[in-house]
Amino acid sequence: MKNPISCDPRNKPYKNGKTFEDCKSEARKNTLDLSKEIQSRNEVSWNQILEVADHDEIVYKLTLKYLREMGYDIGNYKIPRVAKILNNSSSSSP
């Protein structure tokens, strides 16, 4: 092999020549920005997330993944939005 780095899947260029690591980094930044917006507005649409991701499918999907990992309800195809999960555990205590 002349160049073993070229066979490494982590170095494969995606949209606009970004690597997967670039996409992950961009998605994490988007997640932080969107999290602030969700806290103030209670939800954001999937379309808004797609726009923030600049219509990059990998960044979009990673952003949704990271929002879910942060504890947000990422909805589904019938409810295409990301919202805060209401915490009802403090409503009654014996």
N, C-alpha and C. Protein backbone atom coordinates (compact mmCIF):
# COMPACT_ATOMS: atom_id res chain seq x y z
N MET A 1 0.84 -1.18 0.00
CA MET A 1 0.00 0.00 0.00
C MET A 1 0.88 1.24 0.00
N LYS A 2 0.58 2.13 -0.91
CA LYS A 2 1.35 3.36 -0.98
C LYS A 2 0.96 4.33 0.12
N ASN A 3 -0.36 4.51 0.33
CA ASN A 3 -0.84 5.50 1.29
C ASN A 3 -1.92 4.88 2.16
N PRO A 4 -1.56 4.31 3.32
CA PRO A 4 -2.56 3.64 4.16
C PRO A 4 -3.63 4.59 4.69
N ILE A 5 -3.35 5.86 4.77
CA ILE A 5 -4.33 6.83 5.28
C ILE A 5 -5.52 6.92 4.34
N SER A 6 -5.29 6.76 3.03
CA SER A 6 -6.40 6.88 2.09
C SER A 6 -7.41 5.75 2.24
N CYS A 7 -7.03 4.63 2.85
CA CYS A 7 -7.95 3.52 3.06
C CYS A 7 -8.71 3.66 4.37
N ASP A 8 -8.32 4.57 5.20
CA ASP A 8 -8.95 4.76 6.49
C ASP A 8 -10.32 5.42 6.29
N PRO A 9 -11.42 4.75 6.69
CA PRO A 9 -12.75 5.32 6.46
C PRO A 9 -12.99 6.63 7.21
N ARG A 10 -12.25 6.89 8.25
CA ARG A 10 -12.43 8.13 9.00
C ARG A 10 -11.94 9.34 8.22
N ASN A 11 -11.15 9.12 7.18
CA ASN A 11 -10.62 10.22 6.39
C ASN A 11 -11.37 10.41 5.08
N LYS A 12 -12.46 9.69 4.89
CA LYS A 12 -13.25 9.82 3.67
C LYS A 12 -13.93 11.19 3.64
N PRO A 13 -13.76 11.94 2.56
CA PRO A 13 -14.42 13.25 2.50
C PRO A 13 -15.92 13.10 2.26
N TYR A 14 -16.69 13.87 2.97
CA TYR A 14 -18.12 13.92 2.80
C TYR A 14 -18.47 15.22 2.08
N LYS A 15 -19.66 15.73 2.30
CA LYS A 15 -20.10 16.97 1.64
C LYS A 15 -19.11 18.10 1.91
N ASN A 16 -18.78 18.83 0.89
CA ASN A 16 -17.85 19.97 0.97
C ASN A 16 -16.47 19.57 1.46
N GLY A 17 -16.08 18.31 1.26
CA GLY A 17 -14.75 17.86 1.61
C GLY A 17 -14.50 17.65 3.09
N LYS A 18 -15.57 17.62 3.90
CA LYS A 18 -15.42 17.42 5.34
C LYS A 18 -15.20 15.94 5.65
N THR A 19 -14.40 15.68 6.67
CA THR A 19 -14.24 14.31 7.15
C THR A 19 -15.36 14.03 8.15
N PHE A 20 -15.50 12.76 8.55
CA PHE A 20 -16.51 12.41 9.53
C PHE A 20 -16.25 13.13 10.85
N GLU A 21 -15.00 13.30 11.20
CA GLU A 21 -14.65 14.03 12.44
C GLU A 21 -15.09 15.49 12.33
N ASP A 22 -14.95 16.09 11.16
CA ASP A 22 -15.43 17.47 10.95
C ASP A 22 -16.95 17.53 11.13
N CYS A 23 -17.64 16.52 10.58
CA CYS A 23 -19.11 16.47 10.71
C CYS A 23 -19.52 16.34 12.17
N LYS A 24 -18.83 15.48 12.92
CA LYS A 24 -19.15 15.31 14.34
C LYS A 24 -18.92 16.60 15.11
N SER A 25 -17.84 17.28 14.82
CA SER A 25 -17.53 18.53 15.49
C SER A 25 -18.59 19.59 15.18
N GLU A 26 -18.99 19.69 13.93
CA GLU A 26 -20.01 20.65 13.53
C GLU A 26 -21.35 20.32 14.20
N ALA A 27 -21.68 19.03 14.26
CA ALA A 27 -22.94 18.61 14.88
C ALA A 27 -22.95 18.93 16.37
N ARG A 28 -21.83 18.75 17.05
CA ARG A 28 -21.76 19.07 18.48
C ARG A 28 -21.96 20.58 18.71
N LYS A 29 -21.38 21.39 17.84
CA LYS A 29 -21.58 22.85 17.95
C LYS A 29 -23.05 23.20 17.71
N ASN A 30 -23.64 22.61 16.68
CA ASN A 30 -25.06 22.84 16.40
C ASN A 30 -25.92 22.43 17.58
N THR A 31 -25.57 21.32 18.21
CA THR A 31 -26.34 20.80 19.35
C THR A 31 -26.35 21.82 20.49
N LEU A 32 -25.21 22.40 20.78
CA LEU A 32 -25.14 23.39 21.86
C LEU A 32 -25.99 24.62 21.53
N ASP A 33 -25.90 25.09 20.29
CA ASP A 33 -26.69 26.26 19.87
C ASP A 33 -28.19 25.95 19.91
N LEU A 34 -28.57 24.80 19.38
CA LEU A 34 -29.98 24.43 19.35
C LEU A 34 -30.53 24.15 20.74
N SER A 35 -29.69 23.64 21.63
CA SER A 35 -30.12 23.37 23.00
C SER A 35 -30.56 24.66 23.68
N LYS A 36 -29.82 25.73 23.46
CA LYS A 36 -30.19 27.03 24.02
C LYS A 36 -31.53 27.49 23.47
N GLU A 37 -31.72 27.28 22.18
CA GLU A 37 -32.99 27.69 21.56
C GLU A 37 -34.16 26.85 22.07
N ILE A 38 -33.93 25.56 22.25
CA ILE A 38 -34.99 24.69 22.77
C ILE A 38 -35.36 25.10 24.19
N GLN A 39 -34.38 25.48 24.98
CA GLN A 39 -34.65 25.92 26.35
C GLN A 39 -35.51 27.18 26.36
N SER A 40 -35.29 28.06 25.41
CA SER A 40 -36.06 29.31 25.40
C SER A 40 -37.42 29.18 24.69
N ARG A 41 -37.49 28.36 23.65
CA ARG A 41 -38.73 28.24 22.87
C ARG A 41 -39.49 26.94 23.12
N ASN A 42 -38.92 26.04 23.91
CA ASN A 42 -39.48 24.73 24.23
C ASN A 42 -39.36 23.70 23.12
N GLU A 43 -39.18 24.10 21.86
CA GLU A 43 -38.99 23.13 20.79
C GLU A 43 -38.44 23.81 19.55
N VAL A 44 -37.85 23.00 18.66
CA VAL A 44 -37.43 23.45 17.33
C VAL A 44 -37.85 22.37 16.34
N SER A 45 -38.13 22.79 15.11
CA SER A 45 -38.56 21.85 14.08
C SER A 45 -37.36 21.14 13.46
N TRP A 46 -37.65 19.98 12.88
CA TRP A 46 -36.60 19.26 12.15
C TRP A 46 -36.11 20.10 10.97
N ASN A 47 -37.01 20.86 10.34
CA ASN A 47 -36.60 21.71 9.22
C ASN A 47 -35.58 22.75 9.66
N GLN A 48 -35.77 23.29 10.85
CA GLN A 48 -34.81 24.28 11.35
C GLN A 48 -33.45 23.62 11.59
N ILE A 49 -33.48 22.41 12.13
CA ILE A 49 -32.22 21.68 12.37
C ILE A 49 -31.53 21.40 11.04
N LEU A 50 -32.30 21.03 10.02
CA LEU A 50 -31.73 20.78 8.70
C LEU A 50 -31.09 22.05 8.13
N GLU A 51 -31.72 23.18 8.34
CA GLU A 51 -31.14 24.45 7.88
C GLU A 51 -29.85 24.78 8.62
N VAL A 52 -29.86 24.56 9.94
CA VAL A 52 -28.65 24.81 10.74
C VAL A 52 -27.52 23.91 10.28
N ALA A 53 -27.86 22.68 9.88
CA ALA A 53 -26.86 21.72 9.39
C ALA A 53 -26.47 21.98 7.94
N ASP A 54 -26.99 23.05 7.36
CA ASP A 54 -26.70 23.43 5.98
C ASP A 54 -27.05 22.28 5.01
N HIS A 55 -28.16 21.61 5.30
CA HIS A 55 -28.68 20.51 4.48
C HIS A 55 -27.67 19.39 4.30
N ASP A 56 -26.78 19.22 5.26
CA ASP A 56 -25.81 18.13 5.26
C ASP A 56 -26.41 16.99 6.07
N GLU A 57 -26.75 15.88 5.40
CA GLU A 57 -27.47 14.78 6.03
C GLU A 57 -26.72 14.19 7.22
N ILE A 58 -25.43 14.05 7.12
CA ILE A 58 -24.66 13.45 8.22
C ILE A 58 -24.66 14.38 9.43
N VAL A 59 -24.42 15.66 9.22
CA VAL A 59 -24.43 16.62 10.32
C VAL A 59 -25.83 16.68 10.95
N TYR A 60 -26.85 16.65 10.11
CA TYR A 60 -28.24 16.68 10.57
C TYR A 60 -28.54 15.47 11.48
N LYS A 61 -28.19 14.28 11.02
CA LYS A 61 -28.46 13.07 11.80
C LYS A 61 -27.65 13.03 13.08
N LEU A 62 -26.41 13.46 13.01
CA LEU A 62 -25.58 13.50 14.23
C LEU A 62 -26.12 14.52 15.22
N THR A 63 -26.61 15.65 14.73
CA THR A 63 -27.19 16.67 15.61
C THR A 63 -28.40 16.10 16.34
N LEU A 64 -29.27 15.40 15.62
CA LEU A 64 -30.42 14.76 16.27
C LEU A 64 -29.96 13.73 17.30
N LYS A 65 -28.95 12.96 16.96
CA LYS A 65 -28.41 11.95 17.88
C LYS A 65 -27.91 12.62 19.17
N TYR A 66 -27.14 13.68 19.03
CA TYR A 66 -26.58 14.35 20.20
C TYR A 66 -27.67 15.03 21.04
N LEU A 67 -28.71 15.56 20.39
CA LEU A 67 -29.82 16.14 21.14
C LEU A 67 -30.55 15.05 21.94
N ARG A 68 -30.72 13.88 21.33
CA ARG A 68 -31.35 12.76 22.04
C ARG A 68 -30.49 12.34 23.23
N GLU A 69 -29.18 12.29 23.03
CA GLU A 69 -28.27 11.93 24.12
C GLU A 69 -28.32 12.94 25.26
N MET A 70 -28.65 14.20 24.94
CA MET A 70 -28.77 15.23 25.98
C MET A 70 -30.10 15.14 26.72
N GLY A 71 -30.98 14.26 26.27
CA GLY A 71 -32.24 14.06 26.96
C GLY A 71 -33.44 14.73 26.34
N TYR A 72 -33.31 15.22 25.12
CA TYR A 72 -34.44 15.84 24.45
C TYR A 72 -35.27 14.79 23.72
N ASP A 73 -36.55 15.08 23.58
CA ASP A 73 -37.46 14.25 22.79
C ASP A 73 -37.28 14.70 21.34
N ILE A 74 -36.74 13.81 20.48
CA ILE A 74 -36.47 14.21 19.10
C ILE A 74 -37.64 13.93 18.17
N GLY A 75 -38.78 13.52 18.71
CA GLY A 75 -39.97 13.33 17.90
C GLY A 75 -39.89 12.12 16.99
N ASN A 76 -40.73 12.13 15.95
CA ASN A 76 -40.76 11.07 14.94
C ASN A 76 -41.36 11.65 13.67
N TYR A 77 -41.62 10.78 12.69
CA TYR A 77 -42.10 11.30 11.41
C TYR A 77 -43.48 11.95 11.52
N LYS A 78 -44.26 11.60 12.54
CA LYS A 78 -45.56 12.23 12.73
C LYS A 78 -45.44 13.55 13.50
N ILE A 79 -44.41 13.66 14.33
CA ILE A 79 -44.17 14.87 15.13
C ILE A 79 -42.72 15.29 14.88
N PRO A 80 -42.44 15.95 13.75
CA PRO A 80 -41.06 16.30 13.38
C PRO A 80 -40.53 17.53 14.10
N ARG A 81 -40.22 17.35 15.39
CA ARG A 81 -39.67 18.44 16.18
C ARG A 81 -38.85 17.88 17.32
N VAL A 82 -38.01 18.72 17.90
CA VAL A 82 -37.24 18.37 19.09
C VAL A 82 -37.74 19.24 20.22
N ALA A 83 -38.07 18.61 21.35
CA ALA A 83 -38.65 19.35 22.47
C ALA A 83 -38.05 18.90 23.79
N LYS A 84 -38.24 19.75 24.80
CA LYS A 84 -37.84 19.40 26.15
C LYS A 84 -38.73 18.26 26.64
N ILE A 85 -38.16 17.36 27.41
CA ILE A 85 -38.95 16.31 28.03
C ILE A 85 -39.42 16.84 29.37
N LEU A 86 -40.72 16.80 29.57
CA LEU A 86 -41.29 17.29 30.83
C LEU A 86 -40.96 16.30 31.94
N ASN A 87 -40.55 16.83 33.08
CA ASN A 87 -40.19 15.99 34.21
C ASN A 87 -41.32 16.02 35.22
N ASN A 88 -42.07 14.92 35.34
CA ASN A 88 -43.20 14.84 36.25
C ASN A 88 -42.85 14.09 37.54
N SER A 89 -41.61 13.73 37.73
CA SER A 89 -41.22 12.93 38.88
C SER A 89 -41.29 13.71 40.19
N SER A 90 -41.30 15.03 40.15
CA SER A 90 -41.32 15.83 41.37
C SER A 90 -42.74 16.22 41.79
N SER A 91 -43.76 15.70 41.10
CA SER A 91 -45.13 16.12 41.37
C SER A 91 -45.66 15.59 42.69
N SER A 92 -45.30 14.40 43.09
CA SER A 92 -45.78 13.88 44.37
C SER A 92 -44.71 13.06 45.04
N SER A 93 -44.58 13.26 46.33
CA SER A 93 -43.62 12.47 47.09
C SER A 93 -44.26 12.12 48.43
N PRO A 94 -44.11 10.87 48.90
CA PRO A 94 -44.76 10.43 50.14
C PRO A 94 -44.19 11.05 51.38
